[in-house]
Amino acid sequence: MSGTELPGLDVSTRVRARDIQMAGVADVRRHVLMISGAIDTADRDISVCVNLPEPGRWQVIKSETNLTDKTWVAVQATTDEDSTFVNDEDAMIIARQFAKSFMTPDQRRLIFYGGEVRPGESLLKVYSIETSARRPTYSYSSYSPVASDTPDSTDVALEQIIANGVPQRPVIELIVPVTVIG
C-alpha cells in the first residue's frame, strides 16, 4: 500500500518534492546560508524548511527564478515563531530588483517592493535571521497586479500589503537540502 492510499498521508497537493528544486549551502565559519532555486506558482505561498548546522544568527543569500507568467512587484518573507529577521547596523537587507523594503516592528515579516521581477528573471535577496531552532521554516509570497489593475489601484494594493502583509494563500511546503561547508 502506498502513502497516497493511506488516509491522511496524501500530501501531493501541498508538498513539492521533485519537480522544482531548491538547494542550500551553509558556511558554518561565516554563518552564511546560500539558497537557490525557482518558483513556478503564482497562486500559492511557499513554505521553506532548512536544516541548519546550528541555531544562531545567519546571513541569508537567496536567489530564486520567477518561472511563473506573472510579474512580481512585491515579495514577502515571514519567519516562524522561533526566528526573526535582524535589523541592526551590521545587517544587510537588500533585494537587487527592489528599491525599498519594510520590516514589521516584531521583525517577523519582511517585504521588498519598488521594483519588479518579470517571468524568467531571477531575484536576489540578502538579509539576516536570528533563530533558536536548527530547522527554521519561512514562508515566501509574491504580489502580482491583475491585468485590469490601474497604476493607482496597484499602489493602493501595495500600501495595504505593506501594512497588513500579502493575503495568505494555500501553501506548498519545501524542505531544502543544505550542504555544510567551513
Protein backbone atom coordinates (compact mmCIF):
# COMPACT_ATOMS: atom_id res chain seq x y z
CA MET A 1 0.00 0.00 0.00
CA SER A 2 1.46 3.38 -1.00
CA GLY A 3 1.38 6.56 1.09
CA THR A 4 -1.32 8.07 -1.13
CA GLU A 5 -3.61 5.14 -0.33
CA LEU A 6 -3.35 5.69 3.43
CA PRO A 7 -5.87 8.17 4.86
CA GLY A 8 -4.25 11.41 5.95
CA LEU A 9 -0.91 10.73 4.25
CA ASP A 10 -1.64 12.21 0.82
CA VAL A 11 0.48 15.37 0.71
CA SER A 12 0.57 15.67 -3.09
CA THR A 13 -1.37 18.96 -3.10
CA ARG A 14 0.87 20.70 -0.54
CA VAL A 15 4.37 19.25 -0.81
CA ARG A 16 6.68 19.88 -3.73
CA ALA A 17 9.25 17.10 -3.95
CA ARG A 18 10.95 16.53 -7.28
CA ASP A 19 9.88 18.97 -9.98
CA ILE A 20 11.27 22.32 -8.76
CA GLN A 21 14.32 22.03 -6.55
CA MET A 22 15.85 24.43 -4.09
CA ALA A 23 19.22 23.73 -2.57
CA GLY A 24 21.31 25.41 0.07
CA VAL A 25 24.88 25.68 1.32
CA ALA A 26 25.67 26.70 4.89
CA ASP A 27 29.11 28.14 5.65
CA VAL A 28 29.45 27.43 9.38
CA ARG A 29 32.56 29.59 9.85
CA ARG A 30 30.93 32.72 8.39
CA HIS A 31 27.32 31.83 9.35
CA VAL A 32 26.15 32.39 5.77
CA LEU A 33 23.29 30.38 4.25
CA MET A 34 23.02 30.46 0.45
CA ILE A 35 19.83 29.13 -1.17
CA SER A 36 18.99 28.96 -4.86
CA GLY A 37 16.03 27.63 -6.75
CA ALA A 38 12.91 28.59 -8.68
CA ILE A 39 9.27 29.44 -8.06
CA ASP A 40 6.76 28.14 -10.59
CA THR A 41 3.46 29.00 -8.93
CA ALA A 42 1.70 32.35 -8.68
CA ASP A 43 -1.34 31.20 -6.73
CA ARG A 44 0.34 29.62 -3.70
CA ASP A 45 2.73 30.63 -0.95
CA ILE A 46 5.96 28.68 -0.49
CA SER A 47 6.90 27.34 2.95
CA VAL A 48 10.61 26.57 3.11
CA CYS A 49 12.21 24.48 5.86
CA VAL A 50 16.02 24.41 6.07
CA ASN A 51 18.25 22.17 8.16
CA LEU A 52 20.87 24.42 9.71
CA PRO A 53 24.02 23.00 11.31
CA GLU A 54 23.32 25.14 14.40
CA PRO A 55 20.91 27.82 15.58
CA GLY A 56 22.01 31.45 15.82
CA ARG A 57 22.42 34.42 13.54
CA TRP A 58 22.69 33.60 9.83
CA GLN A 59 23.10 35.84 6.82
CA VAL A 60 20.81 34.51 4.09
CA ILE A 61 21.64 34.97 0.42
CA LYS A 62 18.69 33.68 -1.59
CA SER A 63 18.30 33.54 -5.35
CA GLU A 64 15.11 32.38 -6.99
CA THR A 65 13.96 32.40 -10.60
CA ASN A 66 10.44 33.50 -11.47
CA LEU A 67 9.08 30.66 -13.61
CA THR A 68 5.51 31.96 -13.43
CA ASP A 69 3.77 34.01 -16.11
CA LYS A 70 3.29 36.91 -13.65
CA THR A 71 5.48 39.91 -12.85
CA TRP A 72 6.24 40.19 -9.14
CA VAL A 73 6.04 43.79 -7.87
CA ALA A 74 6.49 42.83 -4.21
CA VAL A 75 7.84 39.79 -2.36
CA GLN A 76 7.37 38.94 1.30
CA ALA A 77 9.18 36.62 3.70
CA THR A 78 7.64 35.65 7.04
CA THR A 79 9.52 33.78 9.76
CA ASP A 80 8.28 31.05 12.07
CA GLU A 81 7.85 31.58 15.82
CA ASP A 82 11.48 30.54 16.54
CA SER A 83 13.05 33.11 14.21
CA THR A 84 13.24 36.83 13.47
CA PHE A 85 14.85 39.00 10.85
CA VAL A 86 17.83 41.04 12.06
CA ASN A 87 17.54 44.80 11.74
CA ASP A 88 20.71 46.39 13.08
CA GLU A 89 23.66 48.35 11.69
CA ASP A 90 25.54 45.16 10.74
CA ALA A 91 22.65 43.54 8.85
CA MET A 92 22.43 43.90 5.10
CA ILE A 93 18.80 43.96 3.88
CA ILE A 94 18.64 44.19 0.11
CA ALA A 95 16.94 42.77 -2.95
CA ARG A 96 18.68 43.66 -6.18
CA GLN A 97 15.45 44.18 -8.13
CA PHE A 98 13.61 46.22 -5.47
CA ALA A 99 14.41 49.73 -4.26
CA LYS A 100 12.52 49.55 -0.95
CA SER A 101 11.98 47.22 1.97
CA PHE A 102 9.75 47.18 5.03
CA MET A 103 10.18 45.11 8.19
CA THR A 104 7.43 44.85 10.80
CA PRO A 105 8.29 46.02 14.34
CA ASP A 106 8.21 42.41 15.59
CA GLN A 107 10.84 41.58 12.91
CA ARG A 108 8.85 38.57 11.65
CA ARG A 109 7.77 39.93 8.23
CA LEU A 110 9.99 41.48 5.56
CA ILE A 111 8.65 42.92 2.30
CA PHE A 112 10.65 44.07 -0.72
CA TYR A 113 8.88 46.40 -3.17
CA GLY A 114 9.52 49.32 -5.51
CA GLY A 115 10.64 47.24 -8.47
CA GLU A 116 9.72 44.11 -10.38
CA VAL A 117 10.81 40.61 -11.29
CA ARG A 118 9.47 39.58 -14.68
CA PRO A 119 8.85 35.99 -15.79
CA GLY A 120 12.16 34.24 -16.40
CA GLU A 121 14.17 36.69 -14.30
CA SER A 122 15.97 35.84 -11.08
CA LEU A 123 15.55 37.63 -7.77
CA LEU A 124 18.48 38.05 -5.40
CA LYS A 125 17.72 38.80 -1.72
CA VAL A 126 20.12 39.27 1.19
CA TYR A 127 19.06 39.52 4.84
CA SER A 128 19.97 38.09 8.23
CA ILE A 129 17.93 35.95 10.59
CA GLU A 130 18.25 35.03 14.24
CA THR A 131 16.86 31.58 15.06
CA SER A 132 16.76 29.40 18.14
CA ALA A 133 15.96 26.33 16.02
CA ARG A 134 18.04 24.11 13.75
CA ARG A 135 15.07 23.64 11.40
CA PRO A 136 13.56 27.10 10.87
CA THR A 137 10.65 27.47 8.46
CA TYR A 138 9.91 30.57 6.41
CA SER A 139 7.03 31.47 4.13
CA TYR A 140 7.55 33.33 0.88
CA SER A 141 4.83 35.18 -1.01
CA SER A 142 4.76 37.41 -4.04
CA TYR A 143 2.30 40.03 -5.22
CA SER A 144 1.48 40.46 -8.89
CA PRO A 145 -1.05 43.04 -10.08
CA VAL A 146 -4.06 41.80 -12.04
CA ALA A 147 -4.10 42.78 -15.73
CA SER A 148 -7.11 45.05 -15.16
CA ASP A 149 -5.37 46.98 -12.34
CA THR A 150 -4.51 50.61 -12.93
CA PRO A 151 -1.24 52.05 -11.60
CA ASP A 152 -3.25 53.80 -8.87
CA SER A 153 -5.02 50.60 -7.78
CA THR A 154 -1.69 48.77 -7.74
CA ASP A 155 -0.23 51.49 -5.50
CA VAL A 156 -3.20 51.17 -3.12
CA ALA A 157 -2.81 47.37 -3.07
CA LEU A 158 0.91 47.73 -2.30
CA GLU A 159 0.18 50.10 0.58
CA GLN A 160 -2.26 47.54 2.01
CA ILE A 161 0.30 44.74 1.59
CA ILE A 162 2.97 46.76 3.38
CA ALA A 163 0.58 47.48 6.24
CA ASN A 164 -1.08 44.06 6.52
CA GLY A 165 1.06 41.58 4.58
CA VAL A 166 0.33 39.58 1.46
CA PRO A 167 -3.01 37.78 1.95
CA GLN A 168 -2.34 34.14 2.80
CA ARG A 169 -2.92 31.58 0.04
CA PRO A 170 -2.68 27.78 0.01
CA VAL A 171 0.87 26.66 0.81
CA ILE A 172 3.38 24.41 -0.92
CA GLU A 173 5.95 23.01 1.52
CA LEU A 174 9.62 22.58 0.58
CA ILE A 175 12.39 21.00 2.59
CA VAL A 176 15.63 22.49 1.31
CA PRO A 177 18.66 20.20 1.48
CA VAL A 178 21.63 22.08 2.92
CA THR A 179 25.27 21.16 2.32
CA VAL A 180 27.53 22.25 5.19
CA ILE A 181 30.95 23.75 4.46
CA GLY A 182 33.57 25.57 6.50
